[in-house]
């Protein structure tokens, strides 16, 4: 996936985080994780996970936490 695609995914993930931000940390993390699980296709999740592997630059801290949590759940489901 190209650098600009990663930038788009980072932007979208951070926008989802902004939507849930006013609900507090726990709800934001859960909301971002749930939204990405439900609405992002596997290619998008694979792309954002690759970005996480590269350090996750530009991701807001709560979004980073949500993606890390979601990735662990995805890994458990696929094994």
N, C-alpha and C. Protein backbone atom coordinates (compact mmCIF):
# COMPACT_ATOMS: atom_id res chain seq x y z
N UNK A 1 0.86 -1.17 0.00
CA UNK A 1 0.00 0.00 0.00
C UNK A 1 0.90 1.23 0.00
N UNK A 2 0.52 2.20 -0.76
CA UNK A 2 1.36 3.38 -0.91
C UNK A 2 1.30 4.28 0.33
N UNK A 3 2.29 5.16 0.39
CA UNK A 3 2.38 6.10 1.51
C UNK A 3 1.12 6.97 1.60
N UNK A 4 0.61 7.43 0.46
CA UNK A 4 -0.58 8.30 0.49
C UNK A 4 -1.80 7.53 0.96
N UNK A 5 -1.88 6.23 0.64
CA UNK A 5 -3.00 5.44 1.15
C UNK A 5 -2.92 5.31 2.67
N UNK A 6 -1.71 5.13 3.19
CA UNK A 6 -1.55 5.08 4.65
C UNK A 6 -1.97 6.41 5.26
N UNK A 7 -1.58 7.52 4.62
CA UNK A 7 -1.98 8.83 5.13
C UNK A 7 -3.49 8.96 5.17
N UNK A 8 -4.17 8.46 4.13
CA UNK A 8 -5.63 8.51 4.10
C UNK A 8 -6.23 7.67 5.22
N UNK A 9 -5.68 6.50 5.45
CA UNK A 9 -6.19 5.64 6.52
C UNK A 9 -5.95 6.27 7.88
N UNK A 10 -4.80 6.87 8.08
CA UNK A 10 -4.51 7.56 9.33
C UNK A 10 -5.51 8.70 9.53
N UNK A 11 -5.73 9.48 8.48
CA UNK A 11 -6.68 10.59 8.57
C UNK A 11 -8.07 10.08 8.93
N UNK A 12 -8.52 9.02 8.24
CA UNK A 12 -9.86 8.49 8.52
C UNK A 12 -9.96 7.95 9.95
N UNK A 13 -8.95 7.22 10.39
CA UNK A 13 -8.98 6.67 11.75
C UNK A 13 -9.00 7.79 12.78
N UNK A 14 -8.21 8.83 12.58
CA UNK A 14 -8.20 9.96 13.51
C UNK A 14 -9.53 10.69 13.50
N UNK A 15 -10.20 10.78 12.35
CA UNK A 15 -11.52 11.42 12.28
C UNK A 15 -12.54 10.62 13.07
N UNK A 16 -12.47 9.31 12.99
CA UNK A 16 -13.36 8.45 13.79
C UNK A 16 -13.09 8.71 15.26
N UNK A 17 -11.82 8.80 15.62
CA UNK A 17 -11.46 9.10 17.00
C UNK A 17 -12.03 10.43 17.46
N UNK A 18 -11.97 11.45 16.62
CA UNK A 18 -12.52 12.77 16.98
C UNK A 18 -14.02 12.68 17.25
N UNK A 19 -14.72 11.85 16.49
CA UNK A 19 -16.15 11.69 16.69
C UNK A 19 -16.44 11.17 18.10
N UNK A 20 -15.66 10.19 18.55
CA UNK A 20 -15.90 9.56 19.85
C UNK A 20 -15.18 10.26 21.01
N UNK A 21 -14.33 11.23 20.71
CA UNK A 21 -13.48 11.88 21.71
C UNK A 21 -14.25 12.43 22.91
N UNK A 22 -15.38 13.05 22.67
CA UNK A 22 -16.14 13.69 23.76
C UNK A 22 -16.73 12.68 24.73
N UNK A 23 -16.72 11.40 24.38
CA UNK A 23 -17.29 10.36 25.23
C UNK A 23 -16.30 9.81 26.25
N UNK A 24 -15.08 10.31 26.23
CA UNK A 24 -14.07 9.86 27.18
C UNK A 24 -13.22 8.74 26.60
N UNK A 25 -12.10 8.50 27.27
CA UNK A 25 -11.08 7.55 26.79
C UNK A 25 -11.65 6.18 26.46
N UNK A 26 -12.29 5.55 27.43
CA UNK A 26 -12.74 4.17 27.22
C UNK A 26 -13.74 4.06 26.09
N UNK A 27 -14.69 4.97 26.01
CA UNK A 27 -15.69 4.95 24.95
C UNK A 27 -15.06 5.27 23.59
N UNK A 28 -14.08 6.17 23.60
CA UNK A 28 -13.41 6.50 22.34
C UNK A 28 -12.67 5.29 21.80
N UNK A 29 -11.91 4.63 22.65
CA UNK A 29 -11.15 3.45 22.22
C UNK A 29 -12.11 2.37 21.72
N UNK A 30 -13.15 2.10 22.47
CA UNK A 30 -14.13 1.07 22.07
C UNK A 30 -14.86 1.48 20.80
N UNK A 31 -15.24 2.74 20.69
CA UNK A 31 -15.97 3.22 19.52
C UNK A 31 -15.15 3.14 18.25
N UNK A 32 -13.90 3.55 18.32
CA UNK A 32 -13.01 3.49 17.15
C UNK A 32 -12.81 2.03 16.74
N UNK A 33 -12.52 1.20 17.71
CA UNK A 33 -12.28 -0.22 17.42
C UNK A 33 -13.52 -0.85 16.78
N UNK A 34 -14.68 -0.60 17.35
CA UNK A 34 -15.93 -1.17 16.85
C UNK A 34 -16.24 -0.65 15.44
N UNK A 35 -16.07 0.64 15.23
CA UNK A 35 -16.36 1.22 13.91
C UNK A 35 -15.45 0.63 12.83
N UNK A 36 -14.18 0.55 13.11
CA UNK A 36 -13.25 0.02 12.11
C UNK A 36 -13.52 -1.46 11.86
N UNK A 37 -13.84 -2.19 12.91
CA UNK A 37 -14.17 -3.63 12.75
C UNK A 37 -15.39 -3.80 11.86
N UNK A 38 -16.39 -2.98 12.05
CA UNK A 38 -17.65 -3.12 11.30
C UNK A 38 -17.58 -2.58 9.88
N UNK A 39 -16.87 -1.47 9.67
CA UNK A 39 -17.01 -0.75 8.42
C UNK A 39 -15.78 -0.72 7.52
N UNK A 40 -14.62 -1.08 8.03
CA UNK A 40 -13.42 -1.10 7.18
C UNK A 40 -13.25 -2.49 6.61
N UNK A 41 -12.98 -2.56 5.30
CA UNK A 41 -12.77 -3.88 4.71
C UNK A 41 -11.38 -4.40 5.10
N UNK A 42 -11.17 -5.70 4.90
CA UNK A 42 -9.89 -6.29 5.33
C UNK A 42 -8.66 -5.61 4.74
N UNK A 43 -8.74 -5.11 3.50
CA UNK A 43 -7.58 -4.43 2.90
C UNK A 43 -7.25 -3.16 3.67
N UNK A 44 -8.27 -2.43 4.10
CA UNK A 44 -8.03 -1.20 4.86
C UNK A 44 -7.40 -1.53 6.21
N UNK A 45 -7.94 -2.56 6.88
CA UNK A 45 -7.36 -2.95 8.18
C UNK A 45 -5.92 -3.43 8.00
N UNK A 46 -5.67 -4.19 6.94
CA UNK A 46 -4.31 -4.65 6.67
C UNK A 46 -3.38 -3.46 6.46
N UNK A 47 -3.85 -2.45 5.76
CA UNK A 47 -3.05 -1.25 5.51
C UNK A 47 -2.73 -0.49 6.78
N UNK A 48 -3.73 -0.32 7.65
CA UNK A 48 -3.48 0.43 8.88
C UNK A 48 -2.61 -0.38 9.83
N UNK A 49 -2.74 -1.72 9.79
CA UNK A 49 -1.87 -2.56 10.62
C UNK A 49 -0.42 -2.47 10.13
N UNK A 50 -0.23 -2.41 8.82
CA UNK A 50 1.13 -2.23 8.29
C UNK A 50 1.70 -0.89 8.76
N UNK A 51 0.84 0.11 8.80
CA UNK A 51 1.28 1.42 9.30
C UNK A 51 1.64 1.32 10.79
N UNK A 52 0.89 0.56 11.55
CA UNK A 52 1.24 0.34 12.96
C UNK A 52 2.62 -0.31 13.07
N UNK A 53 2.87 -1.32 12.22
CA UNK A 53 4.16 -2.01 12.23
C UNK A 53 5.31 -1.05 11.93
N UNK A 54 5.02 -0.01 11.17
CA UNK A 54 6.04 0.97 10.81
C UNK A 54 6.14 2.09 11.84
N UNK A 55 5.43 1.97 12.94
CA UNK A 55 5.53 2.94 14.02
C UNK A 55 4.27 3.73 14.31
N UNK A 56 3.31 3.70 13.39
CA UNK A 56 2.03 4.35 13.64
C UNK A 56 2.08 5.87 13.64
N UNK A 57 3.02 6.46 12.92
CA UNK A 57 3.16 7.92 12.91
C UNK A 57 1.84 8.60 12.53
N UNK A 58 1.52 9.65 13.28
CA UNK A 58 0.36 10.47 12.98
C UNK A 58 -0.93 10.01 13.61
N UNK A 59 -0.95 8.82 14.19
CA UNK A 59 -2.17 8.35 14.84
C UNK A 59 -2.30 8.96 16.23
N UNK A 60 -3.48 9.44 16.54
CA UNK A 60 -3.74 9.95 17.88
C UNK A 60 -3.60 8.81 18.88
N UNK A 61 -3.16 9.08 20.11
CA UNK A 61 -2.89 8.02 21.07
C UNK A 61 -4.08 7.07 21.32
N UNK A 62 -5.27 7.60 21.46
CA UNK A 62 -6.42 6.72 21.71
C UNK A 62 -6.77 5.89 20.48
N UNK A 63 -6.56 6.44 19.31
CA UNK A 63 -6.78 5.70 18.06
C UNK A 63 -5.74 4.59 17.95
N UNK A 64 -4.52 4.90 18.27
CA UNK A 64 -3.46 3.90 18.27
C UNK A 64 -3.81 2.76 19.22
N UNK A 65 -4.29 3.09 20.40
CA UNK A 65 -4.70 2.07 21.36
C UNK A 65 -5.85 1.23 20.81
N UNK A 66 -6.82 1.87 20.19
CA UNK A 66 -7.96 1.15 19.62
C UNK A 66 -7.51 0.19 18.53
N UNK A 67 -6.62 0.65 17.66
CA UNK A 67 -6.15 -0.20 16.57
C UNK A 67 -5.32 -1.37 17.10
N UNK A 68 -4.53 -1.12 18.12
CA UNK A 68 -3.73 -2.20 18.72
C UNK A 68 -4.65 -3.25 19.33
N UNK A 69 -5.69 -2.81 20.02
CA UNK A 69 -6.68 -3.72 20.61
C UNK A 69 -7.40 -4.51 19.53
N UNK A 70 -7.83 -3.81 18.48
CA UNK A 70 -8.55 -4.47 17.40
C UNK A 70 -7.66 -5.49 16.70
N UNK A 71 -6.42 -5.13 16.49
CA UNK A 71 -5.49 -6.05 15.83
C UNK A 71 -5.33 -7.33 16.64
N UNK A 72 -5.22 -7.21 17.95
CA UNK A 72 -5.10 -8.40 18.80
C UNK A 72 -6.33 -9.29 18.64
N UNK A 73 -7.52 -8.67 18.62
CA UNK A 73 -8.75 -9.43 18.45
C UNK A 73 -8.80 -10.10 17.08
N UNK A 74 -8.39 -9.38 16.03
CA UNK A 74 -8.36 -9.95 14.68
C UNK A 74 -7.40 -11.14 14.62
N UNK A 75 -6.27 -11.01 15.29
CA UNK A 75 -5.27 -12.07 15.30
C UNK A 75 -5.82 -13.31 16.00
N UNK A 76 -6.52 -13.11 17.11
CA UNK A 76 -7.11 -14.24 17.83
C UNK A 76 -8.18 -14.93 16.99
N UNK A 77 -8.98 -14.16 16.27
CA UNK A 77 -10.04 -14.74 15.45
C UNK A 77 -9.50 -15.53 14.27
N UNK A 78 -8.35 -15.10 13.75
CA UNK A 78 -7.80 -15.76 12.57
C UNK A 78 -6.93 -16.98 12.91
N UNK A 79 -6.65 -17.18 14.20
CA UNK A 79 -5.80 -18.33 14.53
C UNK A 79 -6.60 -19.51 15.02
